[in-house]
Amino acid sequence: MGLAAKDLLALDAAMNRALAAGDPSSIEVLGCGEITTVVAFSSGGHRFACKRLPLFATAAGAERYATLFAEYVSVLAARGLRVVTSELQRVERDDGSVVVYCVQPALPEGSLAVPLLRRSDSARARRLFESILDRLLAAVSPQVGVDGQLSNWAIEGDDALLLDVTTPMLKDAAGRNRLDVDLFLAAVPPPVRPVFRRYVVPAVVDKYHDPRGVSLDLVANLIKEGLEHEIAPFLEIANRRLPRPIGAAEVRRYYVSDARVWTVWQAMRRCDRFIRSRLLGRPYPFLLPGPIERRRA
């Protein structure tokens, strides 16, 4: 599996052109997250979903990340959480920096959790939610975190597969993050990185290590995806598995707070892009999503 070497270089060249122009119209964007972009690319008669990670300054840094990534996928599998087949592929630059892509088979839209839930009847939707939640709760622990929002899942039969594993959330026995979070803070405008490192990162990461936190995040995500009508029945399912129940009002408060944080985050990134590209004449190293619809809670 994976892109042929020449196709990987062609993909990287296309990404570099899009970044230099600040325009993704020349590539097929499958999804734009808060940090990274997933694009479609064909190689060897197969279609792939390729996520470009923030730039690694050195080959050693890329290697450390790859080792942690492989361990994370292995740990999740040992806990019964299946991951869509994922391979890291690298492009080394003359200056010693490394571009890493996470390459997965491009899945049909009909297998993705969000569109599948939208067209499912109530009984089917509940079975799918239970499959996702059970896989999620079996995996998370103080040492293992999972970003389990709905857009990160695919469905095979009645089983859930995790799509996004590019943030290997593993902690050591002392509770310290084993992932170098500065890699992903590269997407944060430099003036506010210390604030994000001290306050935002711990809150976001710790939530993904807590069964109640990932459950709340998953249910609140229903609002963003236009599935608000499923909040009550999905909460009933989740609360049967949690020692402290989650209420509908808490879900709405969480969604409003989360949406506010990420709206400010994207506004800061657009400002950073303007300063770098328009005032300093430097290419901005990320593709930003267009306007994100934040549904009212």
Protein backbone atom coordinates (compact mmCIF):
# COMPACT_ATOMS: atom_id res chain seq x y z
CA MET A 1 0.00 0.00 0.00
CA GLY A 2 1.05 3.58 -0.46
CA LEU A 3 2.10 5.98 -3.19
CA ALA A 4 4.80 5.10 -5.69
CA ALA A 5 7.92 7.21 -5.12
CA LYS A 6 7.37 9.35 -8.21
CA ASP A 7 3.75 9.94 -7.26
CA LEU A 8 4.71 10.96 -3.73
CA LEU A 9 7.04 13.58 -5.22
CA ALA A 10 4.29 14.72 -7.58
CA LEU A 11 1.87 15.06 -4.66
CA ASP A 12 4.40 17.04 -2.66
CA ALA A 13 5.08 19.34 -5.59
CA ALA A 14 1.36 19.95 -6.05
CA MET A 15 0.99 20.72 -2.35
CA ASN A 16 3.92 23.14 -2.47
CA ARG A 17 2.38 24.98 -5.42
CA ALA A 18 -0.95 25.23 -3.61
CA LEU A 19 0.76 26.54 -0.48
CA ALA A 20 2.84 29.06 -2.41
CA ALA A 21 -0.30 30.36 -4.13
CA GLY A 22 -2.44 30.12 -1.04
CA ASP A 23 -5.00 28.46 -3.27
CA PRO A 24 -6.07 24.78 -3.02
CA SER A 25 -8.08 24.79 -6.27
CA SER A 26 -5.36 22.81 -8.10
CA ILE A 27 -5.61 19.86 -5.68
CA GLU A 28 -8.54 17.73 -4.56
CA VAL A 29 -9.13 18.55 -0.91
CA LEU A 30 -11.05 15.86 0.98
CA GLY A 31 -11.04 17.67 4.28
CA CYS A 32 -9.46 20.59 6.08
CA GLY A 33 -8.99 20.13 9.81
CA GLU A 34 -7.97 22.65 12.42
CA ILE A 35 -4.28 21.97 11.59
CA THR A 36 -3.80 19.64 8.63
CA THR A 37 -5.31 19.10 5.19
CA VAL A 38 -6.30 15.79 3.59
CA VAL A 39 -6.11 15.55 -0.19
CA ALA A 40 -6.98 12.82 -2.67
CA PHE A 41 -4.27 11.41 -4.93
CA SER A 42 -4.15 8.42 -7.27
CA SER A 43 -1.20 6.08 -7.62
CA GLY A 44 -0.84 2.62 -9.16
CA GLY A 45 -4.51 2.47 -10.02
CA HIS A 46 -5.59 3.19 -6.44
CA ARG A 47 -7.03 6.30 -4.87
CA PHE A 48 -5.56 7.50 -1.58
CA ALA A 49 -6.34 10.01 1.13
CA CYS A 50 -3.11 11.82 2.03
CA LYS A 51 -2.61 14.04 5.05
CA ARG A 52 0.42 16.30 5.10
CA LEU A 53 1.81 16.82 8.61
CA PRO A 54 3.58 19.95 9.86
CA LEU A 55 7.18 20.13 8.66
CA PHE A 56 9.84 18.23 10.64
CA ALA A 57 13.04 20.24 11.02
CA THR A 58 15.23 17.10 11.02
CA ALA A 59 15.14 13.50 9.89
CA ALA A 60 15.67 12.45 13.51
CA GLY A 61 12.50 14.27 14.53
CA ALA A 62 10.56 12.58 11.74
CA GLU A 63 11.90 9.21 12.85
CA ARG A 64 10.90 9.76 16.47
CA TYR A 65 7.42 10.68 15.35
CA ALA A 66 7.18 7.60 13.09
CA THR A 67 8.20 5.33 15.99
CA LEU A 68 5.57 6.86 18.28
CA PHE A 69 2.95 6.68 15.52
CA ALA A 70 3.57 2.94 15.01
CA GLU A 71 3.38 2.32 18.76
CA TYR A 72 0.11 4.26 19.00
CA VAL A 73 -1.56 2.25 16.23
CA SER A 74 -0.34 -0.96 17.89
CA VAL A 75 -1.67 0.08 21.30
CA LEU A 76 -5.07 0.98 19.86
CA ALA A 77 -5.26 -2.37 18.08
CA ALA A 78 -4.41 -4.19 21.30
CA ARG A 79 -7.35 -2.41 22.93
CA GLY A 80 -9.71 -3.51 20.19
CA LEU A 81 -9.85 -0.23 18.27
CA ARG A 82 -9.38 -0.86 14.57
CA VAL A 83 -7.55 1.79 12.54
CA VAL A 84 -7.92 2.36 8.81
CA THR A 85 -4.72 1.09 7.14
CA SER A 86 -2.24 3.96 7.47
CA GLU A 87 1.29 4.39 6.19
CA LEU A 88 3.73 7.24 6.75
CA GLN A 89 5.68 8.33 3.67
CA ARG A 90 8.44 10.94 3.65
CA VAL A 91 9.95 13.51 1.34
CA GLU A 92 13.39 14.70 2.44
CA ARG A 93 14.45 18.21 1.52
CA ASP A 94 17.92 19.50 0.72
CA ASP A 95 18.03 21.53 3.95
CA GLY A 96 17.54 18.38 6.05
CA SER A 97 13.89 18.99 6.87
CA VAL A 98 11.33 16.27 6.18
CA VAL A 99 7.75 16.37 4.92
CA VAL A 100 5.65 13.45 6.18
CA TYR A 101 2.38 12.28 4.69
CA CYS A 102 -0.04 9.86 6.32
CA VAL A 103 -1.41 7.82 3.43
CA GLN A 104 -4.63 5.80 3.66
CA PRO A 105 -6.92 4.20 1.10
CA ALA A 106 -9.60 6.70 0.10
CA LEU A 107 -12.86 5.35 1.48
CA PRO A 108 -16.23 5.75 -0.22
CA GLU A 109 -18.24 8.58 1.31
CA GLY A 110 -20.99 6.13 2.15
CA SER A 111 -18.74 4.39 4.68
CA LEU A 112 -17.97 7.55 6.66
CA ALA A 113 -19.78 7.91 9.96
CA VAL A 114 -21.31 11.36 9.49
CA PRO A 115 -23.10 10.82 6.15
CA LEU A 116 -24.02 7.30 7.25
CA LEU A 117 -25.65 8.57 10.44
CA ARG A 118 -27.51 11.26 8.50
CA ARG A 119 -29.29 8.71 6.34
CA SER A 120 -29.79 6.02 9.00
CA ASP A 121 -33.06 5.35 10.77
CA SER A 122 -33.11 5.70 14.57
CA ALA A 123 -32.35 2.07 15.33
CA ARG A 124 -29.43 1.91 12.91
CA ALA A 125 -28.05 5.26 14.17
CA ARG A 126 -28.06 3.98 17.73
CA ARG A 127 -26.22 0.79 16.78
CA LEU A 128 -23.58 2.81 14.94
CA PHE A 129 -23.16 5.20 17.87
CA GLU A 130 -22.80 2.31 20.31
CA SER A 131 -20.12 0.75 18.10
CA ILE A 132 -18.16 4.03 17.99
CA LEU A 133 -18.54 4.73 21.69
CA ASP A 134 -17.65 1.21 22.80
CA ARG A 135 -14.46 1.23 20.70
CA LEU A 136 -13.60 4.66 22.05
CA LEU A 137 -14.18 3.86 25.72
CA ALA A 138 -12.21 0.61 25.45
CA ALA A 139 -9.19 2.53 24.19
CA VAL A 140 -8.92 5.68 26.30
CA SER A 141 -7.01 5.72 29.57
CA PRO A 142 -4.64 8.03 31.47
CA GLN A 143 -1.88 6.84 29.12
CA VAL A 144 -3.86 6.60 25.84
CA GLY A 145 -5.93 9.37 24.28
CA VAL A 146 -8.19 9.32 21.22
CA ASP A 147 -9.77 12.16 19.25
CA GLY A 148 -13.10 10.45 18.68
CA GLN A 149 -15.18 13.14 17.00
CA LEU A 150 -17.65 11.81 14.44
CA SER A 151 -15.71 12.88 11.35
CA ASN A 152 -12.82 10.64 12.48
CA TRP A 153 -14.75 7.39 12.01
CA ALA A 154 -15.64 5.03 9.20
CA ILE A 155 -18.09 2.14 9.45
CA GLU A 156 -17.49 -1.36 8.14
CA GLY A 157 -20.58 -3.50 8.64
CA ASP A 158 -21.56 -2.54 12.17
CA ASP A 159 -18.00 -1.98 13.34
CA ALA A 160 -16.25 1.38 13.71
CA LEU A 161 -12.77 2.13 12.33
CA LEU A 162 -10.73 5.16 13.37
CA LEU A 163 -9.48 7.41 10.58
CA ASP A 164 -7.31 9.99 12.29
CA VAL A 165 -4.29 8.69 14.21
CA THR A 166 -1.78 11.39 13.26
CA THR A 167 -1.78 12.81 16.78
CA PRO A 168 -0.43 9.83 18.76
CA MET A 169 -1.71 10.76 22.19
CA LEU A 170 0.41 8.64 24.50
CA LYS A 171 1.56 9.64 27.98
CA ASP A 172 4.21 8.16 30.20
CA ALA A 173 3.58 6.81 33.72
CA ALA A 174 4.07 10.31 35.15
CA GLY A 175 1.36 11.73 32.90
CA ARG A 176 3.70 13.59 30.53
CA ASN A 177 2.89 13.77 26.82
CA ARG A 178 5.26 11.63 24.81
CA LEU A 179 4.38 13.47 21.61
CA ASP A 180 6.37 16.64 20.94
CA VAL A 181 3.43 19.05 20.93
CA ASP A 182 5.61 21.80 19.48
CA LEU A 183 5.29 20.03 16.14
CA PHE A 184 1.59 20.84 16.05
CA LEU A 185 2.02 24.24 17.68
CA ALA A 186 3.78 25.20 14.44
CA ALA A 187 0.28 25.98 13.19
CA VAL A 188 -0.25 28.48 16.02
CA PRO A 189 0.80 32.10 15.36
CA PRO A 190 4.17 32.63 17.13
CA PRO A 191 3.04 35.40 19.54
CA VAL A 192 0.41 33.17 21.17
CA ARG A 193 2.24 29.83 21.18
CA PRO A 194 3.26 30.13 24.86
CA VAL A 195 -0.38 30.67 25.82
CA PHE A 196 -1.52 27.67 23.77
CA ARG A 197 1.30 25.51 25.13
CA ARG A 198 0.47 26.33 28.75
CA TYR A 199 -3.32 26.52 28.76
CA VAL A 200 -4.95 25.18 25.59
CA VAL A 201 -2.89 22.06 24.83
CA PRO A 202 -3.20 20.48 28.31
CA ALA A 203 -6.98 21.02 28.39
CA VAL A 204 -7.51 19.62 24.89
CA VAL A 205 -5.19 16.63 25.30
CA ASP A 206 -6.37 15.66 28.79
CA LYS A 207 -9.98 15.57 27.57
CA TYR A 208 -9.07 12.86 25.07
CA HIS A 209 -7.68 10.65 27.85
CA ASP A 210 -10.88 10.76 29.90
CA PRO A 211 -13.90 8.51 29.15
CA ARG A 212 -16.35 11.22 30.14
CA GLY A 213 -14.43 13.86 28.20
CA VAL A 214 -14.38 11.91 24.93
CA SER A 215 -18.06 11.01 25.37
CA LEU A 216 -19.01 14.65 25.87
CA ASP A 217 -16.93 15.72 22.88
CA LEU A 218 -18.49 13.02 20.70
CA VAL A 219 -22.09 13.89 21.60
CA ALA A 220 -21.49 17.65 21.32
CA ASN A 221 -20.11 17.07 17.82
CA LEU A 222 -23.64 16.06 16.78
CA ILE A 223 -24.59 19.75 16.78
CA LYS A 224 -21.83 20.71 14.34
CA GLU A 225 -22.77 17.83 12.03
CA GLY A 226 -26.49 18.68 11.94
CA LEU A 227 -27.50 15.64 14.00
CA GLU A 228 -28.79 17.48 17.04
CA HIS A 229 -31.94 15.34 17.10
CA GLU A 230 -29.79 12.40 18.19
CA ILE A 231 -28.43 14.08 21.34
CA ALA A 232 -31.05 12.69 23.74
CA PRO A 233 -30.93 9.04 22.62
CA PHE A 234 -27.14 9.09 22.29
CA LEU A 235 -26.77 10.59 25.77
CA GLU A 236 -28.91 7.77 27.13
CA ILE A 237 -26.50 5.27 25.58
CA ALA A 238 -23.41 7.13 26.83
CA ASN A 239 -24.70 7.63 30.35
CA ARG A 240 -25.23 3.91 30.80
CA ARG A 241 -21.47 3.57 30.43
CA LEU A 242 -20.33 6.52 32.57
CA PRO A 243 -20.12 6.79 36.37
CA ARG A 244 -21.22 10.45 36.20
CA PRO A 245 -23.94 11.23 33.65
CA ILE A 246 -23.82 14.01 31.06
CA GLY A 247 -26.82 16.32 30.69
CA ALA A 248 -28.10 17.96 27.50
CA ALA A 249 -27.41 21.44 28.89
CA GLU A 250 -23.77 20.48 29.52
CA VAL A 251 -23.48 19.26 25.92
CA ARG A 252 -24.69 22.63 24.61
CA ARG A 253 -22.41 24.62 26.91
CA TYR A 254 -19.45 22.50 25.83
CA TYR A 255 -20.27 22.95 22.14
CA VAL A 256 -20.58 26.74 22.47
CA SER A 257 -17.27 26.98 24.35
CA ASP A 258 -15.46 24.68 21.92
CA ALA A 259 -16.82 26.52 18.87
CA ARG A 260 -15.71 29.83 20.34
CA VAL A 261 -12.16 28.58 20.91
CA TRP A 262 -11.78 27.22 17.38
CA THR A 263 -13.39 30.31 15.78
CA VAL A 264 -10.82 32.52 17.51
CA TRP A 265 -8.09 30.04 16.57
CA GLN A 266 -8.93 30.22 12.87
CA ALA A 267 -9.18 34.02 12.97
CA MET A 268 -5.67 34.18 14.45
CA ARG A 269 -4.38 31.86 11.74
CA ARG A 270 -5.90 33.99 8.98
CA CYS A 271 -4.22 37.02 10.53
CA ASP A 272 -0.91 35.13 10.71
CA ARG A 273 -1.28 34.13 7.06
CA PHE A 274 -1.88 37.77 6.05
CA ILE A 275 1.22 38.96 7.92
CA ARG A 276 3.48 36.22 6.55
CA SER A 277 2.29 36.26 2.93
CA ARG A 278 1.20 39.85 2.33
CA LEU A 279 3.49 41.86 4.61
CA LEU A 280 6.59 39.66 4.82
CA GLY A 281 6.34 38.01 1.39
CA ARG A 282 6.75 34.49 2.79
CA PRO A 283 4.59 31.48 1.88
CA TYR A 284 2.17 30.38 4.60
CA PRO A 285 2.88 26.68 5.32
CA PHE A 286 -0.75 25.58 5.84
CA LEU A 287 -3.95 25.52 3.83
CA LEU A 288 -6.77 27.05 5.81
CA PRO A 289 -10.38 25.90 5.57
CA GLY A 290 -13.01 28.23 4.19
CA PRO A 291 -15.77 29.55 6.43
CA ILE A 292 -16.78 26.81 8.87
CA GLU A 293 -20.46 26.57 9.63
CA ARG A 294 -20.89 26.63 13.40
CA ARG A 295 -24.50 25.68 14.07
CA ARG A 296 -26.27 27.40 16.93
CA ALA A 297 -26.65 25.20 20.00
